[in-house]
Amino acid sequence: MMNNMSTTMKAEVMNESKISARGVQVYYGEKHAIIDVNIEIRPRTVTAFIGPSGCGKSTFLRCLNRMNDTISICRVEGHIHMDGEDIYDPKVDPVQLRAKVGMVFQKPNPFPKSIYENVAYGPRIHGLARNKADLDEIVSAALQKAGLWNEVKDRLQESGTGLSGGQQQRLCIARAIAVSPEVILMDEPCSALDPIATAKVEELIHELRANFTIVIVTHSMQQAARVSQRTAMFHLGYLVEENDTDKMFTNPDDQRTQDYIMGRFG
């Protein structure tokens, strides 16, 4: 009876979660960077990770597409499931996982290639286009979804590095969504942008939520309040609390969250 109940409860959790993390620990050598984190990330929702610098929010974000695998001294323990599948199972190919879980970094990092080639790169290596016409369609659709098509449609063969900072970041978002991921991770995507470019990216995040699950690390609590529906507060490697964004910013359960939001530390 207990087994049946636990199976049912597990199924219910999986149904309402895109990503489920249980008992996640991250070590950099001897340093215990993430301590026993448990969280459910809901589908087609923007979840913001907030907290002071060095609290573990970016480290945990990189667990969600196994980017920490690229750091030799990093060790990840615990369980992270996406749609019920353990992403750390040895049978899971990290390259294929990163096609499903795209990432946009703090500093725009377009390839030193044309705007077209920046977006076409992923679909080409993953074999998503049968011919040039397919590839053209994927590129234009990704640029349209990233709100960049009208600005670059007549200059697709120009270098992506020649765009403004905000355009470069939207190009990186187009590059991420061109392989049709299910989840988009964003690590402080607006920290290098001016307020106008930031507003465009935030508007884009709002539009993308209709089709993607988005997790964003941000140092700006105003941004978290504007773009997210769920917020998770990290402090010293711990997940302090996670809840609806409105509640987190008006009536948090933990005093550390209240103190951080009020600017008492950070």
Protein backbone atom coordinates (compact mmCIF):
# COMPACT_ATOMS: atom_id res chain seq x y z
CA MET A 1 0.00 0.00 0.00
CA MET A 2 2.82 2.39 0.97
CA ASN A 3 4.63 1.69 -2.33
CA ASN A 4 1.49 2.47 -4.32
CA MET A 5 0.99 5.70 -2.39
CA SER A 6 4.58 6.82 -2.88
CA THR A 7 4.41 6.00 -6.60
CA THR A 8 1.20 8.02 -6.90
CA MET A 9 2.68 10.96 -5.01
CA LYS A 10 5.81 10.83 -7.17
CA ALA A 11 3.68 10.82 -10.33
CA GLU A 12 1.73 13.85 -9.07
CA VAL A 13 4.95 15.75 -8.37
CA MET A 14 6.33 14.88 -11.80
CA ASN A 15 3.09 15.98 -13.48
CA GLU A 16 3.26 19.47 -12.01
CA SER A 17 7.03 19.86 -12.36
CA LYS A 18 9.22 20.24 -15.41
CA ILE A 19 12.32 19.81 -13.28
CA SER A 20 12.46 18.16 -9.87
CA ALA A 21 15.62 18.41 -7.71
CA ARG A 22 16.06 16.32 -4.59
CA GLY A 23 18.93 16.44 -2.11
CA VAL A 24 21.30 18.21 -4.51
CA GLN A 25 24.81 18.80 -3.19
CA VAL A 26 27.62 20.47 -5.14
CA TYR A 27 31.27 20.41 -4.15
CA TYR A 28 34.20 22.31 -5.65
CA GLY A 29 37.00 20.17 -4.28
CA GLU A 30 36.50 20.44 -0.51
CA LYS A 31 34.16 23.45 -0.71
CA HIS A 32 30.49 22.53 -0.18
CA ALA A 33 28.86 25.05 -2.53
CA ILE A 34 25.26 23.76 -2.68
CA ILE A 35 23.76 22.10 0.39
CA ASP A 36 20.78 19.75 0.18
CA VAL A 37 18.65 21.71 -2.28
CA ASN A 38 15.12 20.49 -3.06
CA ILE A 39 12.97 22.36 -5.56
CA GLU A 40 10.22 21.83 -8.14
CA ILE A 41 10.39 23.98 -11.26
CA ARG A 42 7.03 24.29 -12.95
CA PRO A 43 6.48 24.07 -16.71
CA ARG A 44 5.96 27.25 -18.73
CA THR A 45 6.76 29.38 -15.74
CA VAL A 46 9.55 31.87 -15.11
CA THR A 47 11.38 30.95 -11.91
CA ALA A 48 13.85 33.53 -10.58
CA PHE A 49 16.83 32.62 -8.39
CA ILE A 50 17.80 35.50 -6.11
CA GLY A 51 20.32 35.94 -3.31
CA PRO A 52 23.63 37.68 -2.54
CA SER A 53 26.76 37.16 -4.64
CA GLY A 54 28.39 33.78 -4.04
CA CYS A 55 25.25 32.24 -2.53
CA GLY A 56 25.10 29.35 -5.03
CA LYS A 57 22.32 30.43 -7.38
CA SER A 58 24.44 30.28 -10.57
CA THR A 59 26.12 27.05 -9.43
CA PHE A 60 22.73 25.42 -8.96
CA LEU A 61 21.50 26.80 -12.29
CA ARG A 62 24.43 25.10 -14.04
CA CYS A 63 23.42 21.79 -12.45
CA LEU A 64 20.22 21.87 -14.52
CA ASN A 65 22.04 21.29 -17.83
CA ARG A 66 25.18 19.66 -16.44
CA MET A 67 27.42 22.61 -17.25
CA ASN A 68 29.26 21.82 -14.02
CA ASP A 69 30.50 18.65 -15.76
CA THR A 70 33.00 20.90 -17.53
CA ILE A 71 34.67 21.86 -14.21
CA SER A 72 37.13 19.13 -13.21
CA ILE A 73 36.99 19.75 -9.44
CA CYS A 74 33.18 19.95 -9.34
CA ARG A 75 31.11 17.05 -7.99
CA VAL A 76 27.30 16.93 -8.03
CA GLU A 77 25.28 14.58 -5.82
CA GLY A 78 21.54 14.04 -5.41
CA HIS A 79 18.84 13.70 -8.04
CA ILE A 80 17.62 16.07 -10.76
CA HIS A 81 14.79 14.81 -12.96
CA MET A 82 13.39 16.47 -16.07
CA ASP A 83 10.03 15.05 -17.13
CA GLY A 84 10.76 12.13 -14.81
CA GLU A 85 14.16 11.29 -16.33
CA ASP A 86 17.31 11.50 -14.21
CA ILE A 87 19.52 13.93 -16.16
CA TYR A 88 22.62 12.60 -14.37
CA ASP A 89 21.96 9.03 -15.45
CA PRO A 90 25.12 7.75 -17.25
CA LYS A 91 22.94 6.94 -20.27
CA VAL A 92 22.03 10.62 -20.70
CA ASP A 93 24.21 12.40 -23.28
CA PRO A 94 25.05 15.89 -21.91
CA VAL A 95 25.17 17.31 -25.46
CA GLN A 96 21.62 16.14 -26.14
CA LEU A 97 20.54 17.38 -22.70
CA ARG A 98 21.90 20.86 -23.50
CA ALA A 99 19.83 20.89 -26.68
CA LYS A 100 16.77 20.40 -24.46
CA VAL A 101 18.01 22.81 -21.78
CA GLY A 102 19.44 25.89 -23.48
CA MET A 103 21.50 28.52 -21.70
CA VAL A 104 21.98 32.27 -22.05
CA PHE A 105 24.96 33.70 -20.20
CA GLN A 106 25.63 36.93 -18.34
CA LYS A 107 27.75 38.46 -21.09
CA PRO A 108 26.44 38.18 -24.67
CA ASN A 109 28.68 35.64 -26.41
CA PRO A 110 27.79 35.42 -30.11
CA PHE A 111 30.07 33.26 -32.23
CA PRO A 112 32.47 35.20 -34.52
CA LYS A 113 30.25 34.23 -37.43
CA SER A 114 27.39 35.80 -39.35
CA ILE A 115 24.04 36.45 -37.67
CA TYR A 116 22.59 33.63 -39.78
CA GLU A 117 25.35 31.16 -38.84
CA ASN A 118 25.00 31.98 -35.14
CA VAL A 119 21.41 30.77 -35.20
CA ALA A 120 21.91 27.98 -37.76
CA TYR A 121 24.81 26.36 -35.89
CA GLY A 122 22.77 24.33 -33.37
CA PRO A 123 20.08 23.08 -35.77
CA ARG A 124 22.81 22.07 -38.21
CA ILE A 125 24.88 20.00 -35.73
CA HIS A 126 21.74 18.39 -34.29
CA GLY A 127 20.42 17.51 -37.75
CA LEU A 128 17.16 19.44 -37.36
CA ALA A 129 17.04 20.69 -40.97
CA ARG A 130 16.73 18.46 -44.03
CA ASN A 131 17.82 21.18 -46.45
CA LYS A 132 18.67 24.86 -46.80
CA ALA A 133 15.01 25.89 -46.97
CA ASP A 134 14.35 24.15 -43.63
CA LEU A 135 17.34 25.85 -42.09
CA ASP A 136 16.26 29.26 -43.41
CA GLU A 137 12.84 28.72 -41.82
CA ILE A 138 14.33 27.69 -38.45
CA VAL A 139 16.65 30.72 -38.43
CA SER A 140 13.92 33.21 -39.30
CA ALA A 141 11.49 31.67 -36.77
CA ALA A 142 14.08 31.81 -33.97
CA LEU A 143 14.98 35.42 -34.75
CA GLN A 144 11.29 36.33 -34.81
CA LYS A 145 10.69 34.63 -31.45
CA ALA A 146 13.70 36.52 -30.06
CA GLY A 147 12.24 39.82 -31.27
CA LEU A 148 15.22 40.46 -33.53
CA TRP A 149 14.04 39.58 -37.04
CA ASN A 150 12.92 43.06 -38.11
CA GLU A 151 16.26 44.55 -37.00
CA VAL A 152 18.51 42.02 -38.79
CA LYS A 153 16.54 40.46 -41.67
CA ASP A 154 18.45 42.52 -44.25
CA ARG A 155 21.88 41.87 -42.73
CA LEU A 156 21.90 38.16 -41.93
CA GLN A 157 25.36 37.71 -43.46
CA GLU A 158 26.91 40.42 -41.27
CA SER A 159 28.86 39.42 -38.17
CA GLY A 160 26.87 38.80 -35.01
CA THR A 161 29.60 40.55 -33.03
CA GLY A 162 28.77 43.80 -34.84
CA LEU A 163 25.37 44.09 -33.17
CA SER A 164 24.70 46.23 -30.10
CA GLY A 165 24.94 44.57 -26.68
CA GLY A 166 21.19 44.15 -26.36
CA GLN A 167 20.89 42.79 -29.90
CA GLN A 168 23.75 40.37 -29.22
CA GLN A 169 21.94 39.04 -26.16
CA ARG A 170 18.74 38.56 -28.15
CA LEU A 171 20.82 36.82 -30.83
CA CYS A 172 22.12 34.46 -28.13
CA ILE A 173 18.52 33.82 -27.05
CA ALA A 174 17.61 33.11 -30.71
CA ARG A 175 20.57 30.72 -30.89
CA ALA A 176 19.33 28.94 -27.76
CA ILE A 177 15.75 28.54 -28.95
CA ALA A 178 16.67 27.52 -32.53
CA VAL A 179 17.15 23.89 -31.40
CA SER A 180 13.64 23.89 -29.85
CA PRO A 181 14.67 23.44 -26.21
CA GLU A 182 12.11 22.78 -23.50
CA VAL A 183 13.90 24.80 -20.83
CA ILE A 184 15.91 28.03 -21.09
CA LEU A 185 18.38 28.91 -18.34
CA MET A 186 19.44 32.55 -18.07
CA ASP A 187 22.37 33.56 -15.88
CA GLU A 188 21.99 37.30 -15.20
CA PRO A 189 21.15 37.92 -18.87
CA CYS A 190 20.68 41.67 -18.47
CA SER A 191 23.56 42.60 -16.16
CA ALA A 192 25.70 43.87 -19.06
CA LEU A 193 22.82 45.71 -20.78
CA ASP A 194 21.49 49.25 -20.61
CA PRO A 195 17.93 49.89 -19.32
CA ILE A 196 16.35 50.00 -22.80
CA ALA A 197 17.95 46.71 -23.87
CA THR A 198 17.04 45.21 -20.49
CA ALA A 199 13.38 46.14 -21.00
CA LYS A 200 13.41 44.43 -24.41
CA VAL A 201 14.89 41.24 -23.00
CA GLU A 202 12.39 41.25 -20.11
CA GLU A 203 9.52 41.66 -22.57
CA LEU A 204 10.97 38.78 -24.57
CA ILE A 205 11.13 36.56 -21.45
CA HIS A 206 7.45 37.28 -20.84
CA GLU A 207 6.59 36.22 -24.42
CA LEU A 208 8.79 33.10 -24.37
CA ARG A 209 7.07 31.77 -21.25
CA ALA A 210 4.15 30.67 -23.43
CA ASN A 211 6.36 27.98 -24.98
CA PHE A 212 9.33 27.45 -22.65
CA THR A 213 10.13 26.81 -19.01
CA ILE A 214 12.52 29.59 -17.97
CA VAL A 215 14.87 29.81 -14.99
CA ILE A 216 16.65 33.12 -14.50
CA VAL A 217 19.40 34.08 -12.06
CA THR A 218 19.22 37.78 -11.33
CA HIS A 219 20.90 40.17 -8.90
CA SER A 220 18.03 42.61 -9.47
CA MET A 221 15.04 42.02 -7.23
CA GLN A 222 13.04 44.48 -9.31
CA GLN A 223 13.71 42.29 -12.33
CA ALA A 224 12.73 39.13 -10.46
CA ALA A 225 9.48 40.83 -9.42
CA ARG A 226 8.78 41.95 -13.01
CA VAL A 227 9.50 38.76 -14.96
CA SER A 228 8.92 35.75 -12.70
CA GLN A 229 5.95 33.88 -11.31
CA ARG A 230 8.06 31.86 -8.82
CA THR A 231 11.10 33.01 -6.86
CA ALA A 232 13.72 30.98 -5.00
CA MET A 233 16.03 32.61 -2.44
CA PHE A 234 19.55 31.20 -1.98
CA HIS A 235 21.91 32.03 0.89
CA LEU A 236 25.30 30.48 1.70
CA GLY A 237 24.60 27.46 -0.49
CA TYR A 238 21.16 26.76 0.96
CA LEU A 239 17.79 27.23 -0.70
CA VAL A 240 16.17 29.38 1.97
CA GLU A 241 12.66 29.35 0.52
CA GLU A 242 10.76 29.20 -2.76
CA ASN A 243 7.27 30.46 -3.41
CA ASP A 244 5.02 32.56 -5.65
CA THR A 245 6.89 35.75 -6.50
CA ASP A 246 4.16 38.02 -5.14
CA LYS A 247 4.29 36.29 -1.77
CA MET A 248 8.09 36.25 -1.66
CA PHE A 249 8.25 40.01 -2.13
CA THR A 250 5.37 40.97 0.17
CA ASN A 251 5.27 38.31 2.89
CA PRO A 252 8.26 35.94 2.82
CA ASP A 253 8.37 33.05 5.30
CA ASP A 254 12.06 33.41 6.17
CA GLN A 255 13.64 36.42 7.87
CA ARG A 256 16.74 36.11 5.66
CA THR A 257 14.58 36.66 2.58
CA GLN A 258 12.96 39.68 4.20
CA ASP A 259 16.37 41.10 5.15
CA TYR A 260 17.78 40.56 1.65
CA ILE A 261 14.78 42.12 -0.08
CA MET A 262 14.94 45.11 2.30
CA GLY A 263 18.62 45.56 1.42
CA ARG A 264 19.97 44.69 4.87
CA PHE A 265 22.64 42.49 3.30
CA GLY A 266 23.72 41.43 -0.18
